[in-house]
């Protein structure tokens, strides 16, 4: 009788031990699966990050090349005196009398508000995702290069053919410029000499910080 009770007790203890071992193994297995899933996700995120980094590098290289090409068409501040001298030379070559020329400060070329907001949002997302560093996108926006223009108000006098030659010389200039607000007047006493007022704009790349200091 005692031997049967002892035997049942041993069997019970063995069953308990087996169940306990099974539960422990199951817990270890589920922990392993969780760790494995976390590892796989981290590995996928790392691969995606590598792709994003390579894509960003290619875009930056492309941007730098395009910026260098575009910069050749733009003015720097040191180019302005030479260009103003060129205007005087063009007028002399075209037999046009330059009566007045007034330069203004460089001003930002205004872009649509939705474009500006999209740029600010892109900057914010980019800087928040870089090494988890929190920066102010508005401050970063101040350092971004923006297209700026310097208006030059010009007054000239000359015959129609001479004025046309003068504008053709300006149009053929190596760097980007635009002519607007052209106003031509004729004075009966001076005919065929015409008076011409217009605004000439030259373009440059500047940061908003630089423009604020003007």
N, C-alpha and C. Protein backbone atom coordinates (compact mmCIF):
# COMPACT_ATOMS: atom_id res chain seq x y z
N UNK A 1 0.82 -1.20 0.00
CA UNK A 1 0.00 0.00 0.00
C UNK A 1 0.86 1.26 0.00
N UNK A 2 1.81 1.28 0.89
CA UNK A 2 2.72 2.42 0.98
C UNK A 2 3.53 2.56 -0.30
N UNK A 3 3.92 1.42 -0.88
CA UNK A 3 4.73 1.46 -2.11
C UNK A 3 3.89 2.04 -3.26
N UNK A 4 2.54 1.74 -3.28
CA UNK A 4 1.69 2.27 -4.34
C UNK A 4 1.53 3.78 -4.18
N UNK A 5 1.35 4.24 -2.96
CA UNK A 5 1.23 5.68 -2.72
C UNK A 5 2.51 6.39 -3.11
N UNK A 6 3.64 5.77 -2.76
CA UNK A 6 4.93 6.36 -3.10
C UNK A 6 5.12 6.44 -4.60
N UNK A 7 4.67 5.36 -5.28
CA UNK A 7 4.79 5.31 -6.74
C UNK A 7 3.95 6.40 -7.38
N UNK A 8 2.70 6.57 -6.89
CA UNK A 8 1.83 7.62 -7.43
C UNK A 8 2.40 9.02 -7.18
N UNK A 9 3.01 9.17 -6.01
CA UNK A 9 3.62 10.45 -5.68
C UNK A 9 4.77 10.78 -6.63
N UNK A 10 5.55 9.73 -6.93
CA UNK A 10 6.68 9.92 -7.84
C UNK A 10 6.18 10.30 -9.23
N UNK A 11 5.12 9.58 -9.66
CA UNK A 11 4.54 9.87 -10.98
C UNK A 11 4.02 11.30 -11.02
N UNK A 12 3.34 11.73 -9.94
CA UNK A 12 2.79 13.08 -9.88
C UNK A 12 3.90 14.13 -9.95
N UNK A 13 4.97 13.86 -9.19
CA UNK A 13 6.08 14.81 -9.20
C UNK A 13 6.73 14.88 -10.58
N UNK A 14 6.81 13.72 -11.25
CA UNK A 14 7.39 13.70 -12.61
C UNK A 14 6.54 14.49 -13.59
N UNK A 15 5.21 14.31 -13.44
CA UNK A 15 4.30 15.06 -14.32
C UNK A 15 4.43 16.55 -14.08
N UNK A 16 4.47 16.95 -12.80
CA UNK A 16 4.63 18.36 -12.47
C UNK A 16 5.94 18.90 -13.03
N UNK A 17 7.00 18.10 -12.90
CA UNK A 17 8.31 18.53 -13.40
C UNK A 17 8.28 18.70 -14.92
N UNK A 18 7.63 17.73 -15.60
CA UNK A 18 7.54 17.81 -17.06
C UNK A 18 6.75 19.04 -17.48
N UNK A 19 5.61 19.29 -16.79
CA UNK A 19 4.79 20.45 -17.13
C UNK A 19 5.55 21.76 -16.86
N UNK A 20 6.26 21.78 -15.74
CA UNK A 20 7.03 22.98 -15.42
C UNK A 20 8.12 23.22 -16.44
N UNK A 21 8.79 22.13 -16.84
CA UNK A 21 9.85 22.26 -17.86
C UNK A 21 9.26 22.72 -19.19
N UNK A 22 8.08 22.14 -19.53
CA UNK A 22 7.43 22.54 -20.79
C UNK A 22 7.03 24.00 -20.79
N UNK A 23 6.49 24.45 -19.62
CA UNK A 23 6.10 25.85 -19.52
C UNK A 23 7.31 26.78 -19.65
N UNK A 24 8.41 26.36 -19.02
CA UNK A 24 9.63 27.16 -19.10
C UNK A 24 10.16 27.21 -20.53
N UNK A 25 10.14 26.03 -21.19
CA UNK A 25 10.59 25.99 -22.58
C UNK A 25 9.71 26.84 -23.49
N UNK A 26 8.40 26.81 -23.23
CA UNK A 26 7.47 27.60 -24.05
C UNK A 26 7.73 29.09 -23.86
N UNK A 27 7.95 29.48 -22.60
CA UNK A 27 8.23 30.90 -22.33
C UNK A 27 9.52 31.32 -23.01
N UNK A 28 10.54 30.47 -22.91
CA UNK A 28 11.81 30.79 -23.56
C UNK A 28 11.66 30.89 -25.08
N UNK A 29 10.81 30.02 -25.62
CA UNK A 29 10.60 30.01 -27.07
C UNK A 29 9.86 31.29 -27.52
N UNK A 30 8.83 31.67 -26.76
CA UNK A 30 8.10 32.90 -27.12
C UNK A 30 9.00 34.13 -26.96
N UNK A 31 9.86 34.12 -25.93
CA UNK A 31 10.81 35.23 -25.77
C UNK A 31 11.77 35.28 -26.95
N UNK A 32 12.19 34.10 -27.39
CA UNK A 32 13.10 34.03 -28.54
C UNK A 32 12.43 34.58 -29.80
N UNK A 33 11.16 34.19 -30.01
CA UNK A 33 10.44 34.68 -31.18
C UNK A 33 10.29 36.20 -31.15
N UNK A 34 10.02 36.74 -29.96
CA UNK A 34 9.88 38.18 -29.82
C UNK A 34 11.19 38.90 -30.13
N UNK A 35 12.28 38.34 -29.58
CA UNK A 35 13.59 38.93 -29.84
C UNK A 35 13.93 38.83 -31.33
N UNK A 36 13.60 37.67 -31.93
CA UNK A 36 13.88 37.47 -33.35
C UNK A 36 13.10 38.45 -34.21
N UNK A 37 11.83 38.65 -33.85
CA UNK A 37 11.01 39.61 -34.60
C UNK A 37 11.56 41.03 -34.47
N UNK A 38 11.99 41.37 -33.26
CA UNK A 38 12.57 42.70 -33.04
C UNK A 38 13.84 42.87 -33.86
N UNK A 39 14.65 41.81 -33.87
CA UNK A 39 15.90 41.84 -34.65
C UNK A 39 15.62 41.98 -36.14
N UNK A 40 14.66 41.19 -36.64
CA UNK A 40 14.32 41.25 -38.06
C UNK A 40 13.81 42.64 -38.44
N UNK A 41 12.98 43.24 -37.57
CA UNK A 41 12.46 44.57 -37.84
C UNK A 41 13.57 45.60 -37.86
N UNK A 42 14.49 45.48 -36.87
CA UNK A 42 15.62 46.40 -36.81
C UNK A 42 16.50 46.25 -38.05
N UNK A 43 16.66 44.99 -38.50
CA UNK A 43 17.47 44.74 -39.70
C UNK A 43 16.82 45.37 -40.92
N UNK A 44 15.48 45.25 -41.04
CA UNK A 44 14.77 45.87 -42.15
C UNK A 44 14.89 47.39 -42.11
N UNK A 45 14.76 47.93 -40.90
CA UNK A 45 14.88 49.39 -40.75
C UNK A 45 16.28 49.86 -41.14
N UNK A 46 17.29 49.07 -40.77
CA UNK A 46 18.67 49.42 -41.11
C UNK A 46 18.88 49.40 -42.61
N UNK A 47 18.33 48.37 -43.27
CA UNK A 47 18.47 48.28 -44.73
C UNK A 47 17.76 49.46 -45.40
N UNK A 48 16.59 49.81 -44.89
CA UNK A 48 15.86 50.95 -45.45
C UNK A 48 16.64 52.24 -45.24
N UNK A 49 17.25 52.36 -44.05
CA UNK A 49 18.04 53.55 -43.76
C UNK A 49 19.23 53.65 -44.70
N UNK A 50 19.87 52.51 -44.99
CA UNK A 50 21.01 52.51 -45.92
C UNK A 50 20.57 52.98 -47.30
N UNK A 51 19.40 52.49 -47.73
CA UNK A 51 18.88 52.90 -49.04
C UNK A 51 18.58 54.39 -49.05
N UNK A 52 17.97 54.87 -47.97
CA UNK A 52 17.64 56.31 -47.87
C UNK A 52 18.91 57.16 -47.89
N UNK A 53 19.96 56.69 -47.21
CA UNK A 53 21.22 57.43 -47.18
C UNK A 53 21.83 57.50 -48.58
N UNK A 54 21.83 56.38 -49.29
CA UNK A 54 22.38 56.35 -50.65
C UNK A 54 21.57 57.26 -51.57
N UNK A 55 20.24 57.20 -51.42
CA UNK A 55 19.39 58.05 -52.25
C UNK A 55 19.66 59.53 -51.95
N UNK A 56 19.80 59.86 -50.67
CA UNK A 56 20.08 61.24 -50.28
C UNK A 56 21.42 61.71 -50.84
N UNK A 57 22.43 60.83 -50.79
CA UNK A 57 23.74 61.18 -51.33
C UNK A 57 23.66 61.48 -52.82
N UNK A 58 22.92 60.65 -53.55
CA UNK A 58 22.78 60.87 -54.99
C UNK A 58 22.06 62.19 -55.27
N UNK A 59 21.01 62.47 -54.48
CA UNK A 59 20.27 63.71 -54.66
C UNK A 59 21.14 64.93 -54.34
N UNK A 60 21.94 64.81 -53.27
CA UNK A 60 22.84 65.92 -52.91
C UNK A 60 23.88 66.16 -53.99
N UNK A 61 24.44 65.07 -54.55
CA UNK A 61 25.41 65.20 -55.63
C UNK A 61 24.77 65.87 -56.85
N UNK A 62 23.54 65.43 -57.17
CA UNK A 62 22.84 66.03 -58.30
C UNK A 62 22.54 67.50 -58.03
N UNK A 63 22.10 67.78 -56.80
CA UNK A 63 21.80 69.17 -56.43
C UNK A 63 23.05 70.04 -56.54
N UNK A 64 24.19 69.53 -56.07
CA UNK A 64 25.42 70.31 -56.10
C UNK A 64 25.84 70.61 -57.54
N UNK A 65 25.71 69.61 -58.42
CA UNK A 65 26.07 69.83 -59.83
C UNK A 65 25.14 70.85 -60.48
N UNK A 66 23.84 70.70 -60.20
CA UNK A 66 22.88 71.64 -60.79
C UNK A 66 23.08 73.05 -60.24
N UNK A 67 23.42 73.12 -58.94
CA UNK A 67 23.66 74.44 -58.34
C UNK A 67 24.87 75.12 -58.97
N UNK A 68 25.91 74.32 -59.24
CA UNK A 68 27.11 74.89 -59.86
C UNK A 68 26.81 75.39 -61.27
N UNK A 69 26.01 74.60 -62.01
CA UNK A 69 25.65 75.02 -63.36
C UNK A 69 24.78 76.27 -63.33
N UNK A 70 23.80 76.27 -62.42
CA UNK A 70 22.89 77.41 -62.31
C UNK A 70 23.63 78.65 -61.83
N UNK A 71 24.61 78.45 -60.94
CA UNK A 71 25.35 79.58 -60.38
C UNK A 71 26.12 80.34 -61.46
N UNK A 72 26.47 79.65 -62.53
CA UNK A 72 27.19 80.32 -63.62
C UNK A 72 26.31 81.38 -64.28
N UNK A 73 24.99 81.21 -64.18
CA UNK A 73 24.07 82.17 -64.79
C UNK A 73 23.70 83.30 -63.84
N UNK A 74 24.14 83.20 -62.59
CA UNK A 74 23.75 84.19 -61.58
C UNK A 74 24.90 85.12 -61.24
N UNK A 75 24.53 86.20 -60.59
CA UNK A 75 25.50 87.21 -60.18
C UNK A 75 25.91 86.97 -58.72
N UNK A 76 27.11 87.35 -58.41
CA UNK A 76 27.52 87.49 -57.02
C UNK A 76 27.69 88.99 -56.77
N UNK A 77 27.78 89.38 -55.52
CA UNK A 77 27.87 90.81 -55.22
C UNK A 77 29.12 91.44 -55.86
N UNK A 78 30.17 90.66 -55.96
CA UNK A 78 31.40 91.23 -56.56
C UNK A 78 31.25 91.43 -58.07
N UNK A 79 30.23 90.79 -58.69
CA UNK A 79 30.00 90.97 -60.13
C UNK A 79 29.26 92.27 -60.45
N UNK A 80 28.60 92.85 -59.45
CA UNK A 80 27.71 93.99 -59.70
C UNK A 80 28.45 95.20 -60.26
N UNK A 81 29.57 95.64 -59.66
CA UNK A 81 30.26 96.83 -60.21
C UNK A 81 30.66 96.65 -61.67
N UNK A 82 31.18 95.45 -62.01
CA UNK A 82 31.58 95.21 -63.39
C UNK A 82 30.38 95.24 -64.33
N UNK A 83 29.24 94.72 -63.85
CA UNK A 83 28.05 94.72 -64.70
C UNK A 83 27.53 96.14 -64.92
N UNK A 84 27.54 96.95 -63.88
CA UNK A 84 27.10 98.33 -64.02
C UNK A 84 27.99 99.07 -65.02
N UNK A 85 29.27 98.75 -64.98
CA UNK A 85 30.19 99.36 -65.95
C UNK A 85 29.86 98.87 -67.37
N UNK A 86 29.44 97.59 -67.47
CA UNK A 86 29.07 97.04 -68.78
C UNK A 86 27.85 97.75 -69.34
N UNK A 87 26.90 98.11 -68.48
CA UNK A 87 25.70 98.83 -68.94
C UNK A 87 26.12 100.15 -69.59
N UNK A 88 27.03 100.85 -68.96
CA UNK A 88 27.50 102.11 -69.51
C UNK A 88 28.19 101.90 -70.86
N UNK A 89 28.97 100.81 -70.96
CA UNK A 89 29.66 100.51 -72.22
C UNK A 89 28.66 100.15 -73.32
N UNK A 90 27.63 99.34 -72.96
CA UNK A 90 26.61 98.97 -73.94
C UNK A 90 25.90 100.22 -74.47
N UNK A 91 25.60 101.14 -73.56
CA UNK A 91 24.92 102.37 -73.97
C UNK A 91 25.80 103.17 -74.94
N UNK A 92 27.08 103.26 -74.64
CA UNK A 92 27.99 104.02 -75.51
C UNK A 92 28.10 103.36 -76.88
N UNK A 93 28.21 102.02 -76.88
CA UNK A 93 28.33 101.30 -78.16
C UNK A 93 27.07 101.43 -79.01
N UNK A 94 25.92 101.52 -78.34
CA UNK A 94 24.65 101.61 -79.07
C UNK A 94 24.27 103.05 -79.39
N UNK A 95 25.13 104.00 -79.02
CA UNK A 95 24.84 105.43 -79.22
C UNK A 95 23.60 105.84 -78.44
N UNK A 96 23.53 105.35 -77.19
CA UNK A 96 22.44 105.68 -76.27
C UNK A 96 23.02 106.49 -75.12
N UNK A 97 22.32 107.52 -74.72
CA UNK A 97 22.79 108.36 -73.62
C UNK A 97 22.16 107.87 -72.31
N UNK A 98 23.01 107.44 -71.38
CA UNK A 98 22.55 106.96 -70.07
C UNK A 98 22.39 108.16 -69.15
N UNK A 99 21.14 108.50 -68.84
CA UNK A 99 20.89 109.71 -68.04
C UNK A 99 20.80 109.44 -66.54
N UNK A 100 20.41 108.23 -66.16
CA UNK A 100 20.30 107.93 -64.72
C UNK A 100 20.30 106.41 -64.52
N UNK A 101 20.91 105.99 -63.42
CA UNK A 101 20.93 104.56 -63.08
C UNK A 101 20.98 104.45 -61.56
N UNK A 102 19.97 103.80 -60.98
CA UNK A 102 19.85 103.70 -59.52
C UNK A 102 19.70 102.24 -59.12
N UNK A 103 20.63 101.77 -58.33
CA UNK A 103 20.58 100.38 -57.86
C UNK A 103 19.86 100.29 -56.52
N UNK A 104 19.21 99.15 -56.27
CA UNK A 104 18.57 98.89 -54.99
C UNK A 104 19.19 97.64 -54.37
N UNK A 105 18.75 97.30 -53.17
CA UNK A 105 19.28 96.12 -52.49
C UNK A 105 18.70 94.84 -53.10
N UNK A 106 19.43 93.75 -52.92
CA UNK A 106 18.90 92.45 -53.32
C UNK A 106 17.67 92.13 -52.48
N UNK A 107 16.65 91.57 -53.13
CA UNK A 107 15.42 91.20 -52.45
C UNK A 107 15.07 89.76 -52.82
N UNK A 108 14.43 89.07 -51.89
CA UNK A 108 14.04 87.69 -52.14
C UNK A 108 12.97 87.63 -53.24
N UNK A 109 13.16 86.69 -54.16
CA UNK A 109 12.12 86.44 -55.16
C UNK A 109 11.04 85.61 -54.47
N UNK A 110 9.85 86.16 -54.35
CA UNK A 110 8.78 85.54 -53.57
C UNK A 110 8.27 84.29 -54.28
N UNK A 111 8.15 83.19 -53.51
CA UNK A 111 7.58 81.94 -54.03
C UNK A 111 6.20 81.76 -53.43
N UNK A 112 5.35 80.94 -54.05
CA UNK A 112 4.01 80.70 -53.50
C UNK A 112 4.08 80.19 -52.06
N UNK A 113 3.11 80.56 -51.22
CA UNK A 113 3.12 80.21 -49.80
C UNK A 113 3.11 78.71 -49.59
N UNK A 114 2.37 77.97 -50.43
CA UNK A 114 2.32 76.51 -50.24
C UNK A 114 3.69 75.89 -50.49
N UNK A 115 4.46 76.46 -51.42
CA UNK A 115 5.82 75.96 -51.66
C UNK A 115 6.71 76.24 -50.46
N UNK A 116 6.60 77.43 -49.89
CA UNK A 116 7.40 77.78 -48.72
C UNK A 116 7.06 76.89 -47.53
N UNK A 117 5.75 76.63 -47.33
CA UNK A 117 5.35 75.77 -46.21
C UNK A 117 5.86 74.34 -46.41
N UNK A 118 5.80 73.86 -47.66
CA UNK A 118 6.28 72.50 -47.93
C UNK A 118 7.78 72.40 -47.67
N UNK A 119 8.53 73.44 -48.04
CA UNK A 119 9.96 73.45 -47.79
C UNK A 119 10.26 73.45 -46.30
N UNK A 120 9.52 74.26 -45.54
CA UNK A 120 9.72 74.31 -44.09
C UNK A 120 9.40 72.96 -43.46
N UNK A 121 8.32 72.30 -43.93
CA UNK A 121 7.96 70.99 -43.40
C UNK A 121 9.01 69.94 -43.71
N UNK A 122 9.55 70.00 -44.93
CA UNK A 122 10.60 69.05 -45.32
C UNK A 122 11.83 69.23 -44.46
N UNK A 123 12.21 70.48 -44.23
CA UNK A 123 13.36 70.76 -43.36
C UNK A 123 13.12 70.22 -41.96
N UNK A 124 11.90 70.43 -41.43
CA UNK A 124 11.60 69.97 -40.08
C UNK A 124 11.71 68.47 -39.97
N UNK A 125 11.15 67.74 -40.93
CA UNK A 125 11.21 66.28 -40.90
C UNK A 125 12.64 65.79 -41.03
N UNK A 126 13.41 66.46 -41.89
CA UNK A 126 14.79 66.02 -42.11
C UNK A 126 15.62 66.18 -40.85
N UNK A 127 15.51 67.32 -40.20
CA UNK A 127 16.33 67.58 -39.03
C UNK A 127 15.87 66.80 -37.80
N UNK A 128 14.59 66.47 -37.73
CA UNK A 128 14.13 65.66 -36.61
C UNK A 128 14.61 64.22 -36.74
N UNK A 129 14.83 63.77 -37.98
CA UNK A 129 15.22 62.38 -38.20
C UNK A 129 16.72 62.20 -38.26
N UNK A 130 17.49 63.27 -38.11
CA UNK A 130 18.95 63.16 -38.17
C UNK A 130 19.51 63.06 -36.76
N UNK A 131 19.94 61.87 -36.40
CA UNK A 131 20.51 61.62 -35.08
C UNK A 131 19.58 62.03 -33.95
N UNK A 132 18.27 62.03 -34.23
CA UNK A 132 17.27 62.39 -33.23
C UNK A 132 17.49 63.78 -32.64
N UNK A 133 18.16 64.63 -33.39
CA UNK A 133 18.42 65.98 -32.90
C UNK A 133 17.23 66.88 -33.23
N UNK A 134 16.77 67.62 -32.23
CA UNK A 134 15.65 68.53 -32.41
C UNK A 134 16.20 69.91 -32.75
N UNK A 135 15.85 70.41 -33.94
CA UNK A 135 16.27 71.75 -34.34
C UNK A 135 15.05 72.52 -34.82
N UNK A 136 15.19 73.81 -34.88
CA UNK A 136 14.09 74.67 -35.31
C UNK A 136 14.11 74.77 -36.83
N UNK A 137 13.09 74.25 -37.53
CA UNK A 137 13.09 74.31 -39.00
C UNK A 137 13.08 75.73 -39.53
N UNK A 138 12.52 76.69 -38.76
CA UNK A 138 12.51 78.07 -39.21
C UNK A 138 13.93 78.64 -39.25
N UNK A 139 14.75 78.27 -38.26
CA UNK A 139 16.14 78.72 -38.26
C UNK A 139 16.90 78.09 -39.42
N UNK A 140 16.64 76.81 -39.68
CA UNK A 140 17.30 76.14 -40.79
C UNK A 140 16.87 76.75 -42.11
N UNK A 141 15.62 77.17 -42.20
CA UNK A 141 15.12 77.78 -43.41
C UNK A 141 15.85 79.08 -43.71
N UNK A 142 16.28 79.79 -42.66
CA UNK A 142 17.00 81.04 -42.84
C UNK A 142 18.35 80.82 -43.52
N UNK A 143 18.87 79.59 -43.43
CA UNK A 143 20.20 79.30 -43.98
C UNK A 143 20.13 78.67 -45.37
N UNK A 144 18.93 78.43 -45.85
CA UNK A 144 18.76 77.83 -47.17
C UNK A 144 18.95 78.89 -48.24
N UNK A 145 19.65 78.55 -49.31
CA UNK A 145 19.84 79.49 -50.40
C UNK A 145 18.51 79.75 -51.10
N UNK A 146 18.26 81.00 -51.38
CA UNK A 146 17.03 81.38 -52.06
C UNK A 146 17.37 82.31 -53.22
N UNK A 147 16.53 82.31 -54.24
CA UNK A 147 16.76 83.20 -55.38
C UNK A 147 16.41 84.62 -54.98
N UNK A 148 17.33 85.54 -55.25
CA UNK A 148 17.12 86.95 -54.92
C UNK A 148 17.39 87.79 -56.16
N UNK A 149 16.82 88.97 -56.18
CA UNK A 149 16.95 89.85 -57.34
C UNK A 149 17.30 91.26 -56.88
N UNK A 150 18.16 91.92 -57.66
CA UNK A 150 18.49 93.32 -57.40
C UNK A 150 17.87 94.17 -58.52
N UNK A 151 16.90 95.03 -58.19
CA UNK A 151 16.33 95.93 -59.20
C UNK A 151 17.28 97.11 -59.48
N UNK A 152 17.39 97.46 -60.74
CA UNK A 152 18.18 98.63 -61.14
C UNK A 152 17.29 99.49 -62.03
N UNK A 153 16.96 100.68 -61.55
CA UNK A 153 16.13 101.61 -62.33
C UNK A 153 17.04 102.41 -63.27
N UNK A 154 16.72 102.37 -64.57
CA UNK A 154 17.59 102.97 -65.59
C UNK A 154 16.79 103.92 -66.46
N UNK A 155 17.40 105.03 -66.79
CA UNK A 155 16.83 105.99 -67.73
C UNK A 155 17.84 106.25 -68.85
N UNK A 156 17.40 106.12 -70.08
CA UNK A 156 18.28 106.33 -71.23
C UNK A 156 17.54 107.17 -72.28
N UNK A 157 18.32 107.74 -73.18
CA UNK A 157 17.77 108.48 -74.32
C UNK A 157 18.48 108.02 -75.59
N UNK A 158 17.73 107.95 -76.66
CA UNK A 158 18.32 107.57 -77.93
C UNK A 158 17.25 107.33 -78.97
N UNK A 159 17.69 107.19 -80.21
CA UNK A 159 16.75 106.88 -81.27
C UNK A 159 16.27 105.44 -81.13
N UNK A 160 15.16 105.12 -81.78
CA UNK A 160 14.54 103.79 -81.61
C UNK A 160 15.52 102.67 -81.96
N UNK A 161 16.21 102.80 -83.07
CA UNK A 161 17.16 101.75 -83.49
C UNK A 161 18.29 101.59 -82.47
N UNK A 162 18.73 102.71 -81.90
CA UNK A 162 19.79 102.67 -80.89
C UNK A 162 19.31 101.98 -79.62
N UNK A 163 18.07 102.31 -79.22
CA UNK A 163 17.51 101.65 -78.03
C UNK A 163 17.37 100.15 -78.25
N UNK A 164 16.94 99.77 -79.44
CA UNK A 164 16.79 98.35 -79.75
C UNK A 164 18.14 97.64 -79.68
N UNK A 165 19.18 98.26 -80.21
CA UNK A 165 20.53 97.68 -80.15
C UNK A 165 20.99 97.55 -78.69
N UNK A 166 20.68 98.55 -77.90
CA UNK A 166 21.06 98.53 -76.48
C UNK A 166 20.40 97.37 -75.74
N UNK A 167 19.10 97.18 -75.97
CA UNK A 167 18.40 96.07 -75.31
C UNK A 167 18.89 94.72 -75.81
N UNK A 168 19.25 94.63 -77.06
CA UNK A 168 19.78 93.37 -77.60
C UNK A 168 21.10 93.01 -76.92
N UNK A 169 21.92 94.03 -76.64
CA UNK A 169 23.19 93.78 -75.95
C UNK A 169 22.94 93.28 -74.52
N UNK A 170 21.95 93.88 -73.86
CA UNK A 170 21.61 93.41 -72.51
C UNK A 170 21.09 91.97 -72.55
N UNK A 171 20.25 91.68 -73.53
CA UNK A 171 19.66 90.34 -73.63
C UNK A 171 20.74 89.29 -73.84
N UNK A 172 21.80 89.64 -74.54
CA UNK A 172 22.87 88.68 -74.85
C UNK A 172 23.89 88.55 -73.72
N UNK A 173 23.67 89.25 -72.62
CA UNK A 173 24.65 89.19 -71.53
C UNK A 173 24.75 87.76 -70.99
N UNK A 174 25.93 87.39 -70.52
CA UNK A 174 26.22 86.01 -70.15
C UNK A 174 25.46 85.53 -68.93
N UNK A 175 25.02 86.45 -68.08
CA UNK A 175 24.34 86.06 -66.86
C UNK A 175 22.86 86.43 -66.92
N UNK A 176 22.07 85.80 -66.03
CA UNK A 176 20.62 85.94 -66.05
C UNK A 176 20.18 87.34 -65.60
N UNK A 177 19.32 87.95 -66.39
CA UNK A 177 18.71 89.22 -66.03
C UNK A 177 17.35 89.34 -66.71
N UNK A 178 16.57 90.30 -66.25
CA UNK A 178 15.25 90.53 -66.84
C UNK A 178 14.98 92.02 -66.91
N UNK A 179 14.16 92.39 -67.88
CA UNK A 179 13.80 93.79 -68.08
C UNK A 179 12.29 93.90 -67.94
N UNK A 180 11.84 94.89 -67.17
CA UNK A 180 10.40 95.08 -66.97
C UNK A 180 10.08 96.57 -66.85
N UNK A 181 8.79 96.86 -66.81
CA UNK A 181 8.30 98.24 -66.62
C UNK A 181 8.93 99.21 -67.63
N UNK A 182 8.97 98.79 -68.90
CA UNK A 182 9.54 99.66 -69.94
C UNK A 182 8.54 100.78 -70.28
N UNK A 183 9.04 101.99 -70.27
CA UNK A 183 8.22 103.14 -70.61
C UNK A 183 9.00 104.04 -71.57
N UNK A 184 8.46 104.21 -72.77
CA UNK A 184 9.12 105.01 -73.80
C UNK A 184 8.28 106.25 -74.07
N UNK A 185 8.94 107.41 -74.04
CA UNK A 185 8.25 108.68 -74.30
C UNK A 185 8.93 109.42 -75.43
N UNK A 186 8.13 110.16 -76.14
CA UNK A 186 8.65 110.96 -77.24
C UNK A 186 8.39 112.43 -76.97
N UNK A 187 9.42 113.24 -77.12
CA UNK A 187 9.30 114.69 -76.96
C UNK A 187 9.39 115.33 -78.34
N UNK A 188 8.38 116.10 -78.66
CA UNK A 188 8.30 116.70 -80.00
C UNK A 188 9.56 117.48 -80.34
N UNK A 189 10.12 118.18 -79.36
CA UNK A 189 11.30 119.01 -79.62
C UNK A 189 12.56 118.19 -79.85
N UNK A 190 12.59 116.93 -79.28
CA UNK A 190 13.79 116.10 -79.39
C UNK A 190 13.66 115.00 -80.44
N UNK A 191 12.52 114.85 -81.06
CA UNK A 191 12.31 113.75 -82.01
C UNK A 191 13.38 113.79 -83.12
N UNK A 192 13.98 112.62 -83.48
CA UNK A 192 13.56 111.24 -83.17
C UNK A 192 14.17 110.64 -81.90
N UNK A 193 14.78 111.47 -81.05
CA UNK A 193 15.31 110.96 -79.79
C UNK A 193 14.16 110.60 -78.85
N UNK A 194 14.24 109.40 -78.23
CA UNK A 194 13.20 108.92 -77.33
C UNK A 194 13.76 108.80 -75.91
N UNK A 195 12.90 109.01 -74.94
CA UNK A 195 13.26 108.79 -73.53
C UNK A 195 12.71 107.43 -73.10
N UNK A 196 13.55 106.65 -72.48
CA UNK A 196 13.15 105.30 -72.08
C UNK A 196 13.51 105.05 -70.61
N UNK A 197 12.51 104.67 -69.83
CA UNK A 197 12.71 104.25 -68.44
C UNK A 197 12.37 102.77 -68.32
N UNK A 198 13.16 102.03 -67.57
CA UNK A 198 12.86 100.61 -67.36
C UNK A 198 13.56 100.11 -66.10
N UNK A 199 13.13 98.96 -65.64
CA UNK A 199 13.75 98.32 -64.48
C UNK A 199 14.46 97.06 -64.94
N UNK A 200 15.72 96.98 -64.63
CA UNK A 200 16.54 95.81 -64.94
C UNK A 200 16.79 95.04 -63.65
N UNK A 201 16.58 93.73 -63.67
CA UNK A 201 16.82 92.91 -62.48
C UNK A 201 17.91 91.88 -62.77
N UNK A 202 18.86 91.80 -61.84
CA UNK A 202 19.88 90.76 -61.90
C UNK A 202 19.65 89.80 -60.73
N UNK A 203 20.05 88.55 -60.89
CA UNK A 203 19.66 87.51 -59.94
C UNK A 203 20.88 86.85 -59.30
N UNK A 204 20.67 86.44 -58.05
CA UNK A 204 21.74 85.80 -57.28
C UNK A 204 21.13 84.79 -56.32
N UNK A 205 21.98 83.92 -55.77
CA UNK A 205 21.57 83.00 -54.71
C UNK A 205 22.10 83.51 -53.38
N UNK A 206 21.19 83.75 -52.44
CA UNK A 206 21.57 84.23 -51.11
C UNK A 206 20.72 83.53 -50.06
N UNK A 207 21.20 83.55 -48.83
CA UNK A 207 20.39 83.03 -47.73
C UNK A 207 19.50 84.17 -47.21
N UNK A 208 18.43 83.79 -46.52
CA UNK A 208 17.55 84.80 -45.94
C UNK A 208 18.28 85.64 -44.89
N UNK A 209 19.25 85.01 -44.21
CA UNK A 209 20.05 85.76 -43.23
C UNK A 209 20.82 86.88 -43.92
N UNK A 210 21.43 86.56 -45.08
CA UNK A 210 22.18 87.58 -45.81
C UNK A 210 21.28 88.72 -46.29
N UNK A 211 20.08 88.35 -46.75
CA UNK A 211 19.16 89.37 -47.25
C UNK A 211 18.70 90.30 -46.13
N UNK A 212 18.56 89.77 -44.90
CA UNK A 212 18.14 90.60 -43.79
C UNK A 212 19.19 91.62 -43.41
N UNK A 213 20.44 91.34 -43.71
CA UNK A 213 21.52 92.26 -43.36
C UNK A 213 21.67 93.39 -44.38
N UNK A 214 20.93 93.29 -45.48
CA UNK A 214 21.04 94.33 -46.52
C UNK A 214 20.33 95.60 -46.10
